[in-house]
N, C-alpha and C. Protein backbone atom coordinates (compact mmCIF):
# COMPACT_ATOMS: atom_id res chain seq x y z
N MET A 1 -121.27 44.78 32.75
CA MET A 1 -121.62 43.18 32.53
C MET A 1 -120.79 42.52 31.56
N VAL A 2 -120.53 41.54 31.75
CA VAL A 2 -119.36 40.70 30.85
C VAL A 2 -120.36 39.88 29.82
N CYS A 3 -119.91 39.72 28.81
CA CYS A 3 -120.65 39.19 27.67
C CYS A 3 -120.43 37.64 27.94
N PRO A 4 -121.64 36.76 27.84
CA PRO A 4 -121.31 35.30 27.86
C PRO A 4 -120.41 34.76 26.77
N CYS A 5 -120.67 35.26 25.53
CA CYS A 5 -119.50 34.70 24.47
C CYS A 5 -118.00 34.70 25.25
N ILE A 6 -117.75 35.91 25.90
CA ILE A 6 -116.16 36.08 26.26
C ILE A 6 -116.18 35.02 27.66
N ILE A 7 -117.02 34.60 28.18
CA ILE A 7 -117.01 33.87 29.13
C ILE A 7 -116.82 32.46 28.58
N SER A 8 -117.50 32.24 27.66
CA SER A 8 -117.43 30.55 27.24
C SER A 8 -116.05 30.51 26.00
N ARG A 9 -115.61 31.61 25.74
CA ARG A 9 -114.06 31.87 25.15
C ARG A 9 -113.13 31.25 26.09
N CYS A 10 -113.15 31.91 27.18
CA CYS A 10 -112.34 31.79 28.27
C CYS A 10 -112.33 30.28 28.74
N LYS A 11 -113.07 29.41 28.86
CA LYS A 11 -113.43 28.35 29.34
C LYS A 11 -112.73 27.29 27.86
N PHE A 12 -112.76 27.81 26.72
CA PHE A 12 -112.69 27.11 25.60
C PHE A 12 -111.16 26.16 25.83
N PRO A 13 -110.08 27.03 26.05
CA PRO A 13 -108.76 25.83 26.20
C PRO A 13 -109.04 24.85 27.24
N GLU A 14 -109.58 24.98 28.46
CA GLU A 14 -109.86 24.16 29.38
C GLU A 14 -110.65 22.94 28.92
N ASN A 15 -111.74 23.29 28.26
CA ASN A 15 -112.58 22.21 27.59
C ASN A 15 -111.67 21.51 26.57
N LEU A 16 -110.84 22.03 25.83
CA LEU A 16 -110.09 21.37 25.01
C LEU A 16 -109.15 20.34 25.47
N ARG A 17 -108.61 20.84 26.53
CA ARG A 17 -107.58 19.80 27.32
C ARG A 17 -108.45 18.71 27.69
N GLU A 18 -109.79 18.84 28.29
CA GLU A 18 -110.61 17.64 28.93
C GLU A 18 -110.81 16.92 27.70
N VAL A 19 -111.41 17.34 26.52
CA VAL A 19 -111.77 16.49 25.42
C VAL A 19 -110.46 15.59 25.00
N ASN A 20 -109.42 16.16 24.96
CA ASN A 20 -108.21 15.83 24.38
C ASN A 20 -107.80 14.58 25.56
N GLN A 21 -107.86 14.68 26.59
CA GLN A 21 -107.73 13.69 27.55
C GLN A 21 -108.58 12.56 27.61
N GLN A 22 -109.83 12.89 27.10
CA GLN A 22 -110.67 11.79 27.16
C GLN A 22 -110.47 11.17 25.64
N CYS A 23 -109.98 11.78 24.78
CA CYS A 23 -109.67 11.12 23.41
C CYS A 23 -108.52 10.33 23.71
N ILE A 24 -107.58 10.53 24.19
CA ILE A 24 -106.41 9.75 24.82
C ILE A 24 -106.73 8.35 25.45
N VAL A 25 -107.66 8.56 26.62
CA VAL A 25 -108.07 7.79 27.21
C VAL A 25 -108.82 6.59 26.32
N ARG A 26 -109.61 7.13 25.61
CA ARG A 26 -110.49 6.37 24.55
C ARG A 26 -109.35 5.62 23.50
N CYS A 27 -108.41 6.33 22.98
CA CYS A 27 -107.52 5.68 21.99
C CYS A 27 -106.84 4.59 22.62
N ALA A 28 -106.50 4.80 23.91
CA ALA A 28 -105.60 3.55 24.74
C ALA A 28 -106.46 2.40 24.76
N GLU A 29 -107.79 2.80 25.08
CA GLU A 29 -108.88 1.50 25.48
C GLU A 29 -108.95 0.80 24.11
N ILE A 30 -109.07 1.49 22.94
CA ILE A 30 -109.46 1.00 21.49
C ILE A 30 -108.03 0.14 21.33
N GLN A 31 -106.77 0.89 21.56
CA GLN A 31 -105.69 0.03 21.12
C GLN A 31 -105.49 -1.24 22.07
N GLY A 32 -105.90 -1.45 23.21
CA GLY A 32 -105.91 -2.52 24.04
C GLY A 32 -106.90 -3.45 23.50
N GLN A 33 -108.10 -3.18 23.03
CA GLN A 33 -108.99 -4.25 22.24
C GLN A 33 -108.48 -4.59 21.01
N LEU A 34 -107.90 -3.35 20.28
CA LEU A 34 -107.36 -4.15 19.15
C LEU A 34 -106.18 -5.25 19.08
N LEU A 35 -105.39 -5.04 20.29
CA LEU A 35 -104.11 -5.92 20.60
C LEU A 35 -104.62 -7.34 20.83
N ASN A 36 -105.86 -6.97 21.91
CA ASN A 36 -106.48 -8.27 22.15
C ASN A 36 -106.86 -9.36 21.04
N GLN A 37 -107.63 -8.59 20.32
CA GLN A 37 -108.20 -8.97 18.94
C GLN A 37 -107.26 -9.67 18.03
N VAL A 38 -105.99 -8.90 17.96
CA VAL A 38 -104.91 -9.67 17.20
C VAL A 38 -104.53 -10.89 17.78
N GLN A 39 -104.44 -10.77 19.15
CA GLN A 39 -103.98 -12.03 19.81
C GLN A 39 -104.62 -13.21 19.55
N GLU A 40 -106.12 -12.85 19.77
CA GLU A 40 -107.17 -13.68 19.58
C GLU A 40 -107.23 -14.30 18.08
N ASN A 41 -106.96 -13.47 17.16
CA ASN A 41 -106.92 -13.92 15.69
C ASN A 41 -106.01 -15.01 15.45
N LYS A 42 -104.70 -14.63 16.01
CA LYS A 42 -103.41 -15.48 15.86
C LYS A 42 -103.58 -17.07 16.41
N GLN A 43 -104.45 -16.94 17.66
CA GLN A 43 -104.78 -18.21 18.34
C GLN A 43 -105.66 -18.86 17.40
N LEU A 44 -106.53 -18.38 16.84
CA LEU A 44 -107.63 -19.07 15.88
C LEU A 44 -106.95 -19.40 14.70
N LYS A 45 -106.12 -18.45 14.26
CA LYS A 45 -105.38 -19.22 13.02
C LYS A 45 -104.70 -20.32 13.24
N GLU A 46 -103.94 -20.39 14.40
CA GLU A 46 -103.16 -21.59 14.81
C GLU A 46 -103.89 -22.68 15.07
N LEU A 47 -105.10 -22.54 15.55
CA LEU A 47 -106.35 -23.64 15.86
C LEU A 47 -106.49 -24.32 14.44
N THR A 48 -106.96 -23.41 13.79
CA THR A 48 -107.43 -23.91 12.48
C THR A 48 -106.31 -24.66 11.48
N GLU A 49 -105.23 -24.22 11.62
CA GLU A 49 -104.13 -24.88 10.93
C GLU A 49 -103.79 -26.19 11.33
N SER A 50 -103.78 -26.24 12.88
CA SER A 50 -103.88 -27.64 13.59
C SER A 50 -105.05 -28.60 13.23
N GLN A 51 -106.26 -27.98 13.13
CA GLN A 51 -107.29 -29.00 12.93
C GLN A 51 -107.33 -29.44 11.26
N ARG A 52 -106.70 -28.37 10.47
CA ARG A 52 -106.56 -28.98 9.25
C ARG A 52 -105.57 -30.02 8.85
N ALA A 53 -104.46 -30.05 9.70
CA ALA A 53 -103.27 -30.76 9.57
C ALA A 53 -103.84 -32.02 10.47
N HIS A 54 -104.66 -32.25 11.31
CA HIS A 54 -105.19 -33.30 11.95
C HIS A 54 -106.34 -34.11 10.87
N ILE A 55 -106.90 -33.25 10.12
CA ILE A 55 -107.86 -33.83 8.98
C ILE A 55 -107.10 -34.61 8.02
N GLU A 56 -105.91 -33.82 7.61
CA GLU A 56 -105.27 -34.50 6.50
C GLU A 56 -104.78 -35.76 7.25
N PHE A 57 -104.23 -35.83 8.27
CA PHE A 57 -103.48 -37.06 9.18
C PHE A 57 -104.53 -38.37 8.94
N LEU A 58 -105.61 -37.72 9.49
CA LEU A 58 -106.55 -38.95 9.52
C LEU A 58 -107.23 -39.44 8.38
N GLN A 59 -107.18 -38.40 7.22
CA GLN A 59 -107.77 -38.99 5.76
C GLN A 59 -106.32 -40.19 5.28
N LYS A 60 -105.30 -39.74 5.71
CA LYS A 60 -104.19 -40.60 5.20
C LYS A 60 -104.33 -41.99 6.02
N GLN A 61 -104.49 -41.79 7.18
CA GLN A 61 -104.83 -43.21 8.10
C GLN A 61 -105.88 -43.82 7.69
N ILE A 62 -106.82 -43.36 7.12
CA ILE A 62 -108.18 -44.00 6.62
C ILE A 62 -107.60 -44.74 5.32
N SER A 63 -106.95 -44.01 4.58
CA SER A 63 -106.73 -44.52 3.00
C SER A 63 -105.45 -45.70 3.49
N LEU A 64 -104.76 -45.59 4.19
CA LEU A 64 -103.89 -46.63 4.61
C LEU A 64 -104.70 -48.00 5.18
N ALA A 65 -105.65 -47.90 6.02
CA ALA A 65 -106.49 -48.86 6.80
C ALA A 65 -107.17 -49.55 5.71
N ASP A 66 -107.79 -48.97 4.82
CA ASP A 66 -108.68 -49.49 3.52
C ASP A 66 -108.17 -48.63 2.23
N PRO A 67 -107.51 -49.53 1.67
CA PRO A 67 -106.99 -48.74 0.46
C PRO A 67 -108.03 -48.82 -0.60
N ASP A 68 -109.08 -49.75 -0.43
CA ASP A 68 -110.29 -49.78 -1.37
C ASP A 68 -111.14 -48.59 -1.06
N LEU A 69 -111.18 -47.99 0.04
CA LEU A 69 -112.00 -46.86 0.36
C LEU A 69 -111.26 -45.45 -0.42
N GLN A 70 -111.93 -44.87 -1.19
CA GLN A 70 -111.25 -43.36 -1.72
C GLN A 70 -111.85 -42.32 -0.73
N VAL A 71 -110.83 -41.63 -0.40
CA VAL A 71 -111.34 -40.63 0.36
C VAL A 71 -110.83 -39.24 -0.64
N HIS A 72 -111.90 -38.54 -0.65
CA HIS A 72 -111.86 -37.31 -1.57
C HIS A 72 -111.88 -36.15 -0.77
N PRO A 73 -110.76 -35.37 -0.33
CA PRO A 73 -111.00 -34.29 0.45
C PRO A 73 -111.58 -33.18 -0.17
N VAL A 74 -112.49 -32.70 0.83
CA VAL A 74 -113.45 -31.68 0.18
C VAL A 74 -112.64 -30.52 0.92
N PRO A 75 -112.33 -29.30 -0.03
CA PRO A 75 -111.66 -28.12 0.74
C PRO A 75 -112.59 -27.13 1.40
N SER A 76 -112.18 -26.74 2.53
CA SER A 76 -112.86 -25.87 3.42
C SER A 76 -113.13 -24.67 2.64
N PRO A 77 -114.39 -24.18 2.72
CA PRO A 77 -114.99 -23.13 2.05
C PRO A 77 -114.02 -21.75 2.81
N GLU A 78 -113.73 -21.02 1.63
CA GLU A 78 -112.90 -19.69 1.93
C GLU A 78 -114.00 -18.50 1.92
N LEU A 79 -113.59 -17.56 2.70
CA LEU A 79 -114.51 -16.45 2.73
C LEU A 79 -114.17 -15.40 1.57
N GLY A 80 -113.12 -15.63 1.11
CA GLY A 80 -112.83 -14.62 0.05
C GLY A 80 -112.21 -13.27 0.60
N LEU A 81 -111.82 -13.47 1.83
CA LEU A 81 -111.09 -12.38 2.38
C LEU A 81 -109.72 -12.41 2.36
N VAL A 82 -108.97 -11.48 2.27
CA VAL A 82 -107.48 -11.64 2.36
C VAL A 82 -107.03 -10.85 3.83
N PRO A 83 -106.42 -11.95 4.27
CA PRO A 83 -106.13 -11.20 5.72
C PRO A 83 -105.01 -10.69 5.82
N PRO A 84 -104.96 -9.50 6.58
CA PRO A 84 -103.55 -8.76 6.74
C PRO A 84 -102.38 -9.53 7.10
N SER A 85 -101.17 -9.25 6.71
CA SER A 85 -100.03 -9.98 6.99
C SER A 85 -99.72 -9.68 8.48
N SER A 86 -99.06 -10.73 9.10
CA SER A 86 -98.63 -10.63 10.61
C SER A 86 -97.84 -9.61 10.78
N ASP A 87 -97.24 -9.21 9.87
CA ASP A 87 -96.19 -7.96 9.83
C ASP A 87 -96.80 -6.78 10.24
N SER A 88 -97.91 -6.55 9.53
CA SER A 88 -98.73 -5.25 9.90
C SER A 88 -99.29 -5.04 11.40
N PHE A 89 -99.30 -6.21 12.25
CA PHE A 89 -99.75 -6.21 13.36
C PHE A 89 -98.63 -5.67 14.21
N SER A 90 -97.40 -5.98 13.90
CA SER A 90 -96.17 -5.53 14.47
C SER A 90 -96.22 -4.29 14.67
N GLU A 91 -96.93 -3.46 13.67
CA GLU A 91 -96.59 -1.90 13.58
C GLU A 91 -97.40 -1.24 14.66
N VAL A 92 -98.24 -1.93 15.15
CA VAL A 92 -98.97 -1.41 16.26
C VAL A 92 -98.15 -0.90 17.32
N GLY A 93 -98.05 0.33 17.92
CA GLY A 93 -97.32 0.72 18.90
C GLY A 93 -97.97 1.36 19.93
N GLU A 94 -96.98 1.52 21.01
CA GLU A 94 -97.99 2.03 22.28
C GLU A 94 -98.15 3.66 21.97
N LEU A 95 -99.34 4.21 22.61
CA LEU A 95 -99.76 5.48 22.39
C LEU A 95 -99.19 6.17 23.67
N SER A 96 -99.04 7.42 23.59
CA SER A 96 -98.49 8.33 24.56
C SER A 96 -99.13 9.63 24.59
N SER A 97 -99.54 10.26 25.58
CA SER A 97 -100.12 11.31 25.53
C SER A 97 -99.33 12.63 24.71
N THR A 98 -98.09 12.47 24.64
CA THR A 98 -97.40 13.25 23.64
C THR A 98 -97.85 13.19 22.16
N ASP A 99 -98.27 11.98 21.93
CA ASP A 99 -99.06 11.67 20.46
C ASP A 99 -99.97 12.59 20.25
N PHE A 100 -100.78 12.92 21.27
CA PHE A 100 -102.15 13.84 21.03
C PHE A 100 -101.84 15.25 21.52
N CYS A 101 -101.00 15.42 22.29
CA CYS A 101 -100.93 16.76 23.02
C CYS A 101 -99.80 17.78 22.42
N SER A 102 -99.07 17.36 21.40
CA SER A 102 -98.12 18.08 20.85
C SER A 102 -98.78 19.54 20.40
N GLY A 103 -98.35 20.61 20.64
CA GLY A 103 -98.76 21.82 20.07
C GLY A 103 -100.07 22.51 20.83
N ILE A 104 -100.45 21.56 21.93
CA ILE A 104 -101.40 22.26 22.87
C ILE A 104 -100.98 22.58 24.19
N GLY A 105 -101.15 23.77 24.63
CA GLY A 105 -100.45 24.25 25.79
C GLY A 105 -100.92 25.36 26.55
């Protein structure tokens, strides 16, 4: 009679390969989500900068139209967060199965 612990050990490498493959797939999904989030964040930053510039333009137009009217710009609230530099996003690279599978065989 074969001991059940020996059978489970025989299947262990096969299970590792399956789990490793699942990890690779999940990492690729997460990388795709992160890249999409980075792109969305860049678009939101551009939109915010555009809106700030438009507000400044309108404030100048108002002050030119009515010099007696004093416009006091109110700074937008800051969240106190330091955003990562855009250079750090360019370091995100493509994942390959060799990144995870080296040494498994």
